[in-house]
C-alpha atoms as a PDB file:
ATOM      1  CA  MET A   1       0.017   0.201  -0.108  1.00  0.00           C
ATOM      2  CA  THR A   2       1.309   3.363  -0.885  1.00  0.00           C
ATOM      3  CA  HIS A   3       1.058   6.304   1.451  1.00  0.00           C
ATOM      4  CA  GLU A   4       0.905  10.048   0.667  1.00  0.00           C
ATOM      5  CA  THR A   5       3.817  11.864   1.998  1.00  0.00           C
ATOM      6  CA  PRO A   6       2.410  14.629   4.507  1.00  0.00           C
ATOM      7  CA  THR A   7       3.310  18.205   4.105  1.00  0.00           C
ATOM      8  CA  ILE A   8       6.514  19.502   5.741  1.00  0.00           C
ATOM      9  CA  ALA A   9       6.826  22.918   7.120  1.00  0.00           C
ATOM     10  CA  TYR A  10      10.053  24.027   8.624  1.00  0.00           C
ATOM     11  CA  SER A  11       9.397  27.675   9.146  1.00  0.00           C
ATOM     12  CA  ARG A  12       6.443  29.663  10.835  1.00  0.00           C
ATOM     13  CA  ASP A  13       5.039  30.876   7.368  1.00  0.00           C
ATOM     14  CA  GLU A  14       5.273  27.578   5.879  1.00  0.00           C
ATOM     15  CA  LEU A  15       3.350  26.171   9.100  1.00  0.00           C
ATOM     16  CA  GLN A  16       0.592  29.073   8.988  1.00  0.00           C
ATOM     17  CA  THR A  17      -0.048  28.403   5.234  1.00  0.00           C
ATOM     18  CA  ALA A  18      -0.284  24.638   5.753  1.00  0.00           C
ATOM     19  CA  ARG A  19      -2.269  24.855   8.765  1.00  0.00           C
ATOM     20  CA  ALA A  20      -4.562  27.206   7.255  1.00  0.00           C
ATOM     21  CA  ALA A  21      -5.693  24.588   4.614  1.00  0.00           C
ATOM     22  CA  LEU A  22      -6.830  22.046   7.398  1.00  0.00           C
ATOM     23  CA  GLY A  23      -9.626  23.774   9.400  1.00  0.00           C
ATOM     24  CA  ASP A  24     -10.593  23.365  12.800  1.00  0.00           C
ATOM     25  CA  ASP A  25     -10.783  19.693  13.206  1.00  0.00           C
ATOM     26  CA  VAL A  26      -7.086  19.143  14.089  1.00  0.00           C
ATOM     27  CA  GLY A  27      -5.249  16.852  16.540  1.00  0.00           C
ATOM     28  CA  VAL A  28      -1.615  17.324  17.349  1.00  0.00           C
ATOM     29  CA  VAL A  29       1.104  14.589  18.535  1.00  0.00           C
ATOM     30  CA  MET A  30       4.260  16.580  19.805  1.00  0.00           C
ATOM     31  CA  THR A  31       7.537  14.634  19.422  1.00  0.00           C
ATOM     32  CA  MET A  32      11.317  14.981  19.485  1.00  0.00           C
ATOM     33  CA  GLY A  33      11.700  12.739  16.654  1.00  0.00           C
ATOM     34  CA  ALA A  34      13.000   9.085  16.889  1.00  0.00           C
ATOM     35  CA  LEU A  35       9.619   7.965  16.362  1.00  0.00           C
ATOM     36  CA  HIS A  36       8.477   4.551  17.575  1.00  0.00           C
ATOM     37  CA  GLU A  37       5.260   2.439  17.885  1.00  0.00           C
ATOM     38  CA  GLY A  38       4.456   4.485  20.922  1.00  0.00           C
ATOM     39  CA  HIS A  39       4.308   7.699  18.924  1.00  0.00           C
ATOM     40  CA  ALA A  40       2.524   5.593  16.053  1.00  0.00           C
ATOM     41  CA  ARG A  41      -0.347   4.612  18.872  1.00  0.00           C
ATOM     42  CA  LEU A  42      -0.673   8.285  19.515  1.00  0.00           C
ATOM     43  CA  ILE A  43      -0.945   9.161  15.824  1.00  0.00           C
ATOM     44  CA  ARG A  44      -3.416   6.355  15.244  1.00  0.00           C
ATOM     45  CA  GLN A  45      -5.713   7.512  18.040  1.00  0.00           C
ATOM     46  CA  ALA A  46      -5.761  11.222  16.645  1.00  0.00           C
ATOM     47  CA  ARG A  47      -6.374  10.098  13.359  1.00  0.00           C
ATOM     48  CA  GLN A  48      -9.488   7.942  14.553  1.00  0.00           C
ATOM     49  CA  GLU A  49     -10.774  10.952  16.571  1.00  0.00           C
ATOM     50  CA  MET A  50      -9.884  14.038  14.195  1.00  0.00           C
ATOM     51  CA  GLU A  51     -10.162  14.960  10.715  1.00  0.00           C
ATOM     52  CA  HIS A  52      -6.554  16.300  10.466  1.00  0.00           C
ATOM     53  CA  VAL A  53      -3.368  15.224  12.495  1.00  0.00           C
ATOM     54  CA  VAL A  54      -0.389  17.329  12.856  1.00  0.00           C
ATOM     55  CA  VAL A  55       2.912  15.850  14.122  1.00  0.00           C
ATOM     56  CA  THR A  56       5.585  18.324  15.482  1.00  0.00           C
ATOM     57  CA  ILE A  57       9.271  17.086  15.488  1.00  0.00           C
ATOM     58  CA  PHE A  58      11.576  19.533  17.597  1.00  0.00           C
ATOM     59  CA  LEU A  59      14.461  18.472  19.801  1.00  0.00           C
ATOM     60  CA  ASN A  60      13.747  21.075  22.346  1.00  0.00           C
ATOM     61  CA  PRO A  61      17.048  22.446  24.079  1.00  0.00           C
ATOM     62  CA  LEU A  62      15.079  23.883  27.030  1.00  0.00           C
ATOM     63  CA  GLN A  63      14.313  20.433  28.567  1.00  0.00           C
ATOM     64  CA  PHE A  64      18.068  19.193  28.522  1.00  0.00           C
ATOM     65  CA  ALA A  65      20.185  20.244  31.482  1.00  0.00           C
ATOM     66  CA  ALA A  66      23.977  20.434  31.317  1.00  0.00           C
ATOM     67  CA  GLY A  67      25.438  17.013  31.060  1.00  0.00           C
ATOM     68  CA  GLU A  68      22.171  15.407  29.848  1.00  0.00           C
ATOM     69  CA  ASP A  69      21.928  13.623  26.456  1.00  0.00           C
ATOM     70  CA  LEU A  70      20.996  16.118  23.792  1.00  0.00           C
ATOM     71  CA  SER A  71      23.870  15.648  21.833  1.00  0.00           C
ATOM     72  CA  ARG A  72      23.405  11.959  21.525  1.00  0.00           C
ATOM     73  CA  TYR A  73      19.506  11.892  21.318  1.00  0.00           C
ATOM     74  CA  PRO A  74      18.657   9.992  18.206  1.00  0.00           C
ATOM     75  CA  ARG A  75      17.890  11.980  15.006  1.00  0.00           C
ATOM     76  CA  THR A  76      16.184   9.835  12.501  1.00  0.00           C
ATOM     77  CA  PHE A  77      14.211  12.507  10.538  1.00  0.00           C
ATOM     78  CA  GLU A  78      13.777  10.089   7.381  1.00  0.00           C
ATOM     79  CA  GLU A  79      12.427   7.333   9.020  1.00  0.00           C
ATOM     80  CA  ASP A  80      10.289   9.537  11.221  1.00  0.00           C
ATOM     81  CA  LEU A  81       8.658  10.730   7.922  1.00  0.00           C
ATOM     82  CA  THR A  82       7.951   7.246   6.972  1.00  0.00           C
ATOM     83  CA  ILE A  83       6.097   6.456  10.049  1.00  0.00           C
ATOM     84  CA  CYS A  84       3.921   9.710   9.656  1.00  0.00           C
ATOM     85  CA  ALA A  85       3.382   8.881   6.140  1.00  0.00           C
ATOM     86  CA  ARG A  86       2.204   5.310   7.154  1.00  0.00           C
ATOM     87  CA  GLU A  87      -0.139   6.493   9.720  1.00  0.00           C
ATOM     88  CA  GLY A  88      -1.724   9.245   7.633  1.00  0.00           C
ATOM     89  CA  VAL A  89      -0.400  12.334   9.120  1.00  0.00           C
ATOM     90  CA  ASP A  90      -1.438  15.533   7.126  1.00  0.00           C
ATOM     91  CA  LEU A  91       1.404  17.965   8.358  1.00  0.00           C
ATOM     92  CA  VAL A  92       4.676  17.507  10.030  1.00  0.00           C
ATOM     93  CA  PHE A  93       6.101  20.754  11.632  1.00  0.00           C
ATOM     94  CA  ALA A  94      10.068  20.317  11.835  1.00  0.00           C
ATOM     95  CA  PRO A  95      11.390  23.671  12.874  1.00  0.00           C
ATOM     96  CA  SER A  96      15.050  24.484  14.057  1.00  0.00           C
ATOM     97  CA  PRO A  97      15.776  25.901  17.309  1.00  0.00           C
ATOM     98  CA  ASP A  98      16.232  29.311  15.876  1.00  0.00           C
ATOM     99  CA  VAL A  99      12.471  29.167  14.261  1.00  0.00           C
ATOM    100  CA  VAL A 100      11.196  28.159  17.677  1.00  0.00           C
ATOM    101  CA  TYR A 101      13.271  30.546  19.692  1.00  0.00           C
ATOM    102  CA  PRO A 102      13.917  33.221  17.260  1.00  0.00           C
ATOM    103  CA  ASP A 103      15.715  35.515  19.887  1.00  0.00           C
ATOM    104  CA  GLY A 104      17.694  32.722  21.555  1.00  0.00           C
ATOM    105  CA  GLU A 105      16.896  31.172  24.907  1.00  0.00           C
ATOM    106  CA  PRO A 106      13.321  32.850  25.840  1.00  0.00           C
ATOM    107  CA  GLY A 107      13.740  35.341  28.781  1.00  0.00           C
ATOM    108  CA  VAL A 108       9.904  34.438  29.858  1.00  0.00           C
ATOM    109  CA  ARG A 109       9.240  30.814  30.648  1.00  0.00           C
ATOM    110  CA  ILE A 110       6.310  28.851  31.669  1.00  0.00           C
ATOM    111  CA  SER A 111       6.997  27.531  35.356  1.00  0.00           C
ATOM    112  CA  ALA A 112       5.899  24.189  36.253  1.00  0.00           C
ATOM    113  CA  GLY A 113       5.397  24.878  39.853  1.00  0.00           C
ATOM    114  CA  ALA A 114       5.618  22.875  42.828  1.00  0.00           C
ATOM    115  CA  LEU A 115       4.473  19.744  40.757  1.00  0.00           C
ATOM    116  CA  GLY A 116       7.617  20.162  38.517  1.00  0.00           C
ATOM    117  CA  ASN A 117       9.959  20.132  41.317  1.00  0.00           C
ATOM    118  CA  VAL A 118       9.514  16.457  42.570  1.00  0.00           C
ATOM    119  CA  LEU A 119      10.242  12.930  40.984  1.00  0.00           C
ATOM    120  CA  GLU A 120      11.562  13.625  37.656  1.00  0.00           C
ATOM    121  CA  GLY A 121      11.698  17.307  38.524  1.00  0.00           C
ATOM    122  CA  ALA A 122      13.942  16.535  41.541  1.00  0.00           C
ATOM    123  CA  ALA A 123      16.199  14.417  39.253  1.00  0.00           C
ATOM    124  CA  ARG A 124      16.089  17.013  36.270  1.00  0.00           C
ATOM    125  CA  PRO A 125      15.924  20.580  37.570  1.00  0.00           C
ATOM    126  CA  GLY A 126      14.229  22.889  35.130  1.00  0.00           C
ATOM    127  CA  HIS A 127      13.208  19.984  32.738  1.00  0.00           C
ATOM    128  CA  PHE A 128       9.363  20.624  33.013  1.00  0.00           C
ATOM    129  CA  ASP A 129       9.743  24.490  32.782  1.00  0.00           C
ATOM    130  CA  GLY A 130      11.520  23.751  29.380  1.00  0.00           C
ATOM    131  CA  VAL A 131       8.650  21.068  28.616  1.00  0.00           C
ATOM    132  CA  LEU A 132       5.831  23.366  29.128  1.00  0.00           C
ATOM    133  CA  THR A 133       7.312  26.374  27.507  1.00  0.00           C
ATOM    134  CA  VAL A 134       7.647  24.513  24.211  1.00  0.00           C
ATOM    135  CA  VAL A 135       4.355  22.785  24.555  1.00  0.00           C
ATOM    136  CA  ALA A 136       2.780  26.168  24.997  1.00  0.00           C
ATOM    137  CA  LYS A 137       4.493  27.698  22.126  1.00  0.00           C
ATOM    138  CA  MET A 138       3.480  24.716  19.709  1.00  0.00           C
ATOM    139  CA  LEU A 139      -0.041  24.952  20.924  1.00  0.00           C
ATOM    140  CA  HIS A 140      -0.181  28.542  19.810  1.00  0.00           C
ATOM    141  CA  LEU A 141       1.536  27.826  16.497  1.00  0.00           C
ATOM    142  CA  VAL A 142      -0.302  24.638  15.524  1.00  0.00           C
ATOM    143  CA  ARG A 143      -3.734  25.652  17.014  1.00  0.00           C
ATOM    144  CA  PRO A 144      -5.091  22.193  17.764  1.00  0.00           C
ATOM    145  CA  SER A 145      -8.531  21.089  19.128  1.00  0.00           C
ATOM    146  CA  ARG A 146      -6.803  18.178  20.898  1.00  0.00           C
ATOM    147  CA  ALA A 147      -3.248  17.117  21.773  1.00  0.00           C
ATOM    148  CA  TYR A 148      -2.254  13.661  22.428  1.00  0.00           C
ATOM    149  CA  TYR A 149       0.338  12.532  25.082  1.00  0.00           C
ATOM    150  CA  GLY A 150       1.392   8.967  26.376  1.00  0.00           C
ATOM    151  CA  GLN A 151       0.756   7.867  29.922  1.00  0.00           C
ATOM    152  CA  LYS A 152       4.445   6.773  30.007  1.00  0.00           C
ATOM    153  CA  ASP A 153       5.369  10.332  30.877  1.00  0.00           C
ATOM    154  CA  ALA A 154       2.904  10.668  33.564  1.00  0.00           C
ATOM    155  CA  GLN A 155       4.269  13.746  35.357  1.00  0.00           C
ATOM    156  CA  GLN A 156       4.571  15.423  32.095  1.00  0.00           C
ATOM    157  CA  LEU A 157       1.231  14.756  31.193  1.00  0.00           C
ATOM    158  CA  LEU A 158      -0.337  15.726  34.315  1.00  0.00           C
ATOM    159  CA  LEU A 159       1.443  19.138  34.034  1.00  0.00           C
ATOM    160  CA  ILE A 160       0.601  19.819  30.575  1.00  0.00           C
ATOM    161  CA  LYS A 161      -3.052  19.077  31.502  1.00  0.00           C
ATOM    162  CA  ARG A 162      -2.595  21.474  34.437  1.00  0.00           C
ATOM    163  CA  MET A 163      -0.942  24.154  32.386  1.00  0.00           C
ATOM    164  CA  ALA A 164      -3.966  23.907  29.818  1.00  0.00           C
ATOM    165  CA  ARG A 165      -6.490  24.336  32.466  1.00  0.00           C
ATOM    166  CA  ASP A 166      -4.881  26.923  34.880  1.00  0.00           C
ATOM    167  CA  LEU A 167      -3.868  29.146  31.698  1.00  0.00           C
ATOM    168  CA  ASP A 168      -7.204  28.432  29.595  1.00  0.00           C
ATOM    169  CA  PHE A 169      -5.602  26.929  26.337  1.00  0.00           C
ATOM    170  CA  PRO A 170      -8.588  26.047  24.299  1.00  0.00           C
ATOM    171  CA  THR A 171      -7.162  22.487  23.551  1.00  0.00           C
ATOM    172  CA  GLU A 172      -8.150  19.333  25.028  1.00  0.00           C
ATOM    173  CA  VAL A 173      -5.255  17.180  26.422  1.00  0.00           C
ATOM    174  CA  VAL A 174      -5.820  13.417  25.614  1.00  0.00           C
ATOM    175  CA  ALA A 175      -4.046  10.442  27.355  1.00  0.00           C
ATOM    176  CA  VAL A 176      -3.074   7.554  25.598  1.00  0.00           C
ATOM    177  CA  GLU A 177      -2.041   3.978  27.176  1.00  0.00           C
ATOM    178  CA  THR A 178       1.480   3.464  27.494  1.00  0.00           C
ATOM    179  CA  ALA A 179       2.930   1.251  24.388  1.00  0.00           C
ATOM    180  CA  ARG A 180       4.918  -1.771  25.423  1.00  0.00           C
ATOM    181  CA  GLU A 181       7.118  -4.214  24.108  1.00  0.00           C
ATOM    182  CA  LYS A 182       6.210  -7.970  24.376  1.00  0.00           C
ATOM    183  CA  ASP A 183       8.199  -8.394  27.384  1.00  0.00           C
ATOM    184  CA  GLY A 184       6.174  -5.417  29.025  1.00  0.00           C
ATOM    185  CA  LEU A 185       9.186  -2.789  28.677  1.00  0.00           C
ATOM    186  CA  ALA A 186       7.652   0.649  28.010  1.00  0.00           C
ATOM    187  CA  LEU A 187       8.776   1.824  24.431  1.00  0.00           C
ATOM    188  CA  SER A 188      10.965   4.828  24.668  1.00  0.00           C
ATOM    189  CA  SER A 189      13.120   6.481  22.080  1.00  0.00           C
ATOM    190  CA  ARG A 190      15.867   5.943  24.739  1.00  0.00           C
ATOM    191  CA  ASN A 191      15.464   2.146  24.299  1.00  0.00           C
ATOM    192  CA  ARG A 192      17.903   2.128  21.373  1.00  0.00           C
ATOM    193  CA  TYR A 193      20.562   2.874  23.777  1.00  0.00           C
ATOM    194  CA  LEU A 194      20.238  -0.412  25.690  1.00  0.00           C
ATOM    195  CA  THR A 195      22.437  -3.388  24.915  1.00  0.00           C
ATOM    196  CA  GLU A 196      20.922  -6.955  24.843  1.00  0.00           C
ATOM    197  CA  THR A 197      21.898  -7.308  28.523  1.00  0.00           C
ATOM    198  CA  ASP A 198      20.424  -4.025  29.426  1.00  0.00           C
ATOM    199  CA  ARG A 199      17.131  -4.920  27.882  1.00  0.00           C
ATOM    200  CA  GLU A 200      16.956  -7.986  30.049  1.00  0.00           C
ATOM    201  CA  VAL A 201      17.788  -6.146  33.072  1.00  0.00           C
ATOM    202  CA  ALA A 202      15.184  -3.271  32.170  1.00  0.00           C
ATOM    203  CA  GLY A 203      12.441  -5.754  32.274  1.00  0.00           C
ATOM    204  CA  CYS A 204      12.492  -5.501  36.115  1.00  0.00           C
ATOM    205  CA  LEU A 205      10.877  -2.079  35.823  1.00  0.00           C
ATOM    206  CA  SER A 206       7.381  -3.119  34.219  1.00  0.00           C
ATOM    207  CA  GLN A 207       7.698  -6.394  36.271  1.00  0.00           C
ATOM    208  CA  ALA A 208       7.837  -4.473  39.497  1.00  0.00           C
ATOM    209  CA  LEU A 209       4.818  -2.346  38.438  1.00  0.00           C
ATOM    210  CA  ARG A 210       2.764  -5.163  37.687  1.00  0.00           C
ATOM    211  CA  ALA A 211       3.706  -7.183  41.032  1.00  0.00           C
ATOM    212  CA  GLY A 212       2.748  -3.777  42.924  1.00  0.00           C
ATOM    213  CA  ALA A 213      -0.480  -3.619  41.066  1.00  0.00           C
ATOM    214  CA  ASP A 214      -1.534  -7.213  41.945  1.00  0.00           C
ATOM    215  CA  MET A 215      -1.327  -6.201  45.535  1.00  0.00           C
ATOM    216  CA  ALA A 216      -3.474  -3.278  45.210  1.00  0.00           C
ATOM    217  CA  ARG A 217      -6.517  -5.058  47.000  1.00  0.00           C
ATOM    218  CA  ILE A 218      -4.530  -5.191  50.018  1.00  0.00           C
ATOM    219  CA  GLY A 219      -3.287  -1.509  50.476  1.00  0.00           C
ATOM    220  CA  PRO A 220      -0.365   0.823  49.758  1.00  0.00           C
ATOM    221  CA  ALA A 221       2.190  -0.882  52.040  1.00  0.00           C
ATOM    222  CA  ALA A 222       1.655  -4.328  50.187  1.00  0.00           C
ATOM    223  CA  VAL A 223       1.853  -2.528  46.687  1.00  0.00           C
ATOM    224  CA  ARG A 224       5.149  -0.852  47.692  1.00  0.00           C
ATOM    225  CA  ARG A 225       6.572  -4.086  49.221  1.00  0.00           C
ATOM    226  CA  ALA A 226       5.692  -6.330  46.233  1.00  0.00           C
ATOM    227  CA  ALA A 227       7.185  -3.599  43.760  1.00  0.00           C
ATOM    228  CA  ARG A 228      10.585  -3.267  45.693  1.00  0.00           C
ATOM    229  CA  ASP A 229      10.901  -7.028  46.162  1.00  0.00           C
ATOM    230  CA  VAL A 230      11.053  -7.340  42.441  1.00  0.00           C
ATOM    231  CA  LEU A 231      13.825  -4.392  41.969  1.00  0.00           C
ATOM    232  CA  VAL A 232      15.972  -5.463  44.781  1.00  0.00           C
ATOM    233  CA  ARG A 233      16.535  -8.931  42.853  1.00  0.00           C
ATOM    234  CA  GLU A 234      17.887  -7.100  40.099  1.00  0.00           C
ATOM    235  CA  PRO A 235      21.316  -5.491  41.180  1.00  0.00           C
ATOM    236  CA  LEU A 236      22.182  -4.223  37.570  1.00  0.00           C
ATOM    237  CA  ALA A 237      19.166  -1.780  37.762  1.00  0.00           C
ATOM    238  CA  LEU A 238      20.115   1.606  39.834  1.00  0.00           C
ATOM    239  CA  ILE A 239      16.798   2.732  40.831  1.00  0.00           C
ATOM    240  CA  ASP A 240      16.245   6.515  41.469  1.00  0.00           C
ATOM    241  CA  TYR A 241      12.869   6.300  43.026  1.00  0.00           C
ATOM    242  CA  LEU A 242       9.941   3.802  43.559  1.00  0.00           C
ATOM    243  CA  VAL A 243       6.800   5.787  44.582  1.00  0.00           C
ATOM    244  CA  LEU A 244       3.107   5.247  45.070  1.00  0.00           C
ATOM    245  CA  VAL A 245       1.546   8.707  44.795  1.00  0.00           C
ATOM    246  CA  HIS A 246      -1.681  10.356  44.393  1.00  0.00           C
ATOM    247  CA  PRO A 247      -2.335  10.813  40.557  1.00  0.00           C
ATOM    248  CA  THR A 248      -2.743  14.578  40.610  1.00  0.00           C
ATOM    249  CA  GLU A 249      -0.920  15.806  43.646  1.00  0.00           C
ATOM    250  CA  LEU A 250       2.038  13.181  43.398  1.00  0.00           C
ATOM    251  CA  THR A 251       2.311  13.201  47.186  1.00  0.00           C
ATOM    252  CA  GLU A 252       3.078   9.590  48.691  1.00  0.00           C
ATOM    253  CA  VAL A 253      -0.385   7.912  49.602  1.00  0.00           C
ATOM    254  CA  ALA A 254      -1.212   6.881  53.228  1.00  0.00           C
ATOM    255  CA  GLU A 255      -1.609   3.488  54.143  1.00  0.00           C
ATOM    256  CA  TRP A 256      -5.428   4.140  54.698  1.00  0.00           C
ATOM    257  CA  TYR A 257      -5.734   5.479  51.362  1.00  0.00           C
ATOM    258  CA  ARG A 258      -8.178   3.848  48.850  1.00  0.00           C
ATOM    259  CA  GLY A 259      -8.892   5.054  45.417  1.00  0.00           C
ATOM    260  CA  PRO A 260      -6.716   6.135  42.368  1.00  0.00           C
ATOM    261  CA  ALA A 261      -2.976   6.241  42.671  1.00  0.00           C
ATOM    262  CA  LEU A 262       0.066   6.371  40.425  1.00  0.00           C
ATOM    263  CA  LEU A 263       2.914   3.411  41.059  1.00  0.00           C
ATOM    264  CA  ALA A 264       5.962   5.031  39.443  1.00  0.00           C
ATOM    265  CA  VAL A 265       9.791   4.023  39.093  1.00  0.00           C
ATOM    266  CA  ALA A 266      12.847   5.455  37.409  1.00  0.00           C
ATOM    267  CA  GLY A 267      16.165   4.013  37.092  1.00  0.00           C
ATOM    268  CA  ARG A 268      19.379   3.676  35.234  1.00  0.00           C
ATOM    269  CA  VAL A 269      20.347   0.529  33.233  1.00  0.00           C
ATOM    270  CA  GLY A 270      23.616   0.747  31.657  1.00  0.00           C
ATOM    271  CA  THR A 271      24.057   4.197  30.495  1.00  0.00           C
ATOM    272  CA  THR A 272      20.417   4.805  30.230  1.00  0.00           C
ATOM    273  CA  ARG A 273      17.806   6.556  32.331  1.00  0.00           C
ATOM    274  CA  LEU A 274      14.331   4.921  32.156  1.00  0.00           C
ATOM    275  CA  ILE A 275      10.962   5.714  33.539  1.00  0.00           C
ATOM    276  CA  ASP A 276       7.704   3.761  33.833  1.00  0.00           C
ATOM    277  CA  ASN A 277       4.500   3.978  35.790  1.00  0.00           C
ATOM    278  CA  LEU A 278       1.092   2.159  36.221  1.00  0.00           C
ATOM    279  CA  PRO A 279      -2.108   3.840  37.218  1.00  0.00           C
ATOM    280  CA  ILE A 280      -3.778   1.629  39.847  1.00  0.00           C
ATOM    281  CA  GLU A 281      -6.759   1.522  42.063  1.00  0.00           C
ATOM    282  CA  LEU A 282      -6.415   0.739  45.722  1.00  0.00           C
ATOM    283  CA  GLY A 283      -9.168  -0.998  47.491  1.00  0.00           C
ATOM    284  CA  PRO A 284     -11.101  -4.264  47.634  1.00  0.00           C
ATOM    285  CA  ASP A 285     -11.611  -4.330  43.806  1.00  0.00           C
ATOM    286  CA  GLY A 286      -8.108  -2.845  43.145  1.00  0.00           C
ATOM    287  CA  GLY A 287      -5.711  -3.432  40.594  1.00  0.00           C
ATOM    288  CA  ALA A 288      -4.185  -1.947  37.408  1.00  0.00           C
ATOM    289  CA  ARG A 289      -6.859   0.863  36.192  1.00  0.00           C
ATOM    290  CA  PRO A 290      -7.682   2.361  32.861  1.00  0.00           C
ATOM    291  CA  ILE A 291      -6.049   5.894  32.214  1.00  0.00           C
ATOM    292  CA  SER A 292      -8.129   8.926  32.347  1.00  0.00           C
END
């Protein structure tokens, strides 16, 4: 089957012209490139729900701190376009940094607030300020009705939802379930850094989440214990955190708590830092729960 190549816009003027031809029923999937099946799932859901789909491909320097992997982040633009064509994307916006930030690093940025300083924010100071700043700019430039994000980046998803609500963006933020390999490993552009041995080790992250979810009927302490027991059996995974938190407040839930929660883990396998999470329901009928 042949697929029509999407229109590619590199400049603001090209984007404005191409976007004007699409009308109002537009969904956007924002990426940093190195597309994989997880991105394809986001595009497919947008394709099912919206008349037109825009994909942005922009490696945002604002969300990388000194010493992080911006320079080695995979750049696979031709392969990315192939995936976009296969999934029926109408328009790809692929600007350079000087198009997105014409005056250099912006003097005014969006602050993620307290929610941006915990978990991933504690490990990567300023990261979420950079994420929200570029997301806000892309929402203004693309003007979508809906924006689609994966559950794997749960804290990012929460903050984008909060930004859209708190700052009255007229865009609905849609969460899409985490895409996984057959062995349960959450799909990520960084997975390509993993060696064969690393891949086997990395499986402990999703295994820990599933073990914790299986104990959700008993309570938070049982969830944490079951997940931790899996992780301690894998000494080659250097765990940054394993937390069971309220899904919108990101604070640790108390033992008496029953209701929705987020079981999240982050750690380093080889030279690669990986994150994963699982929404769960704590209580008599508890277990893994659908995203919302």
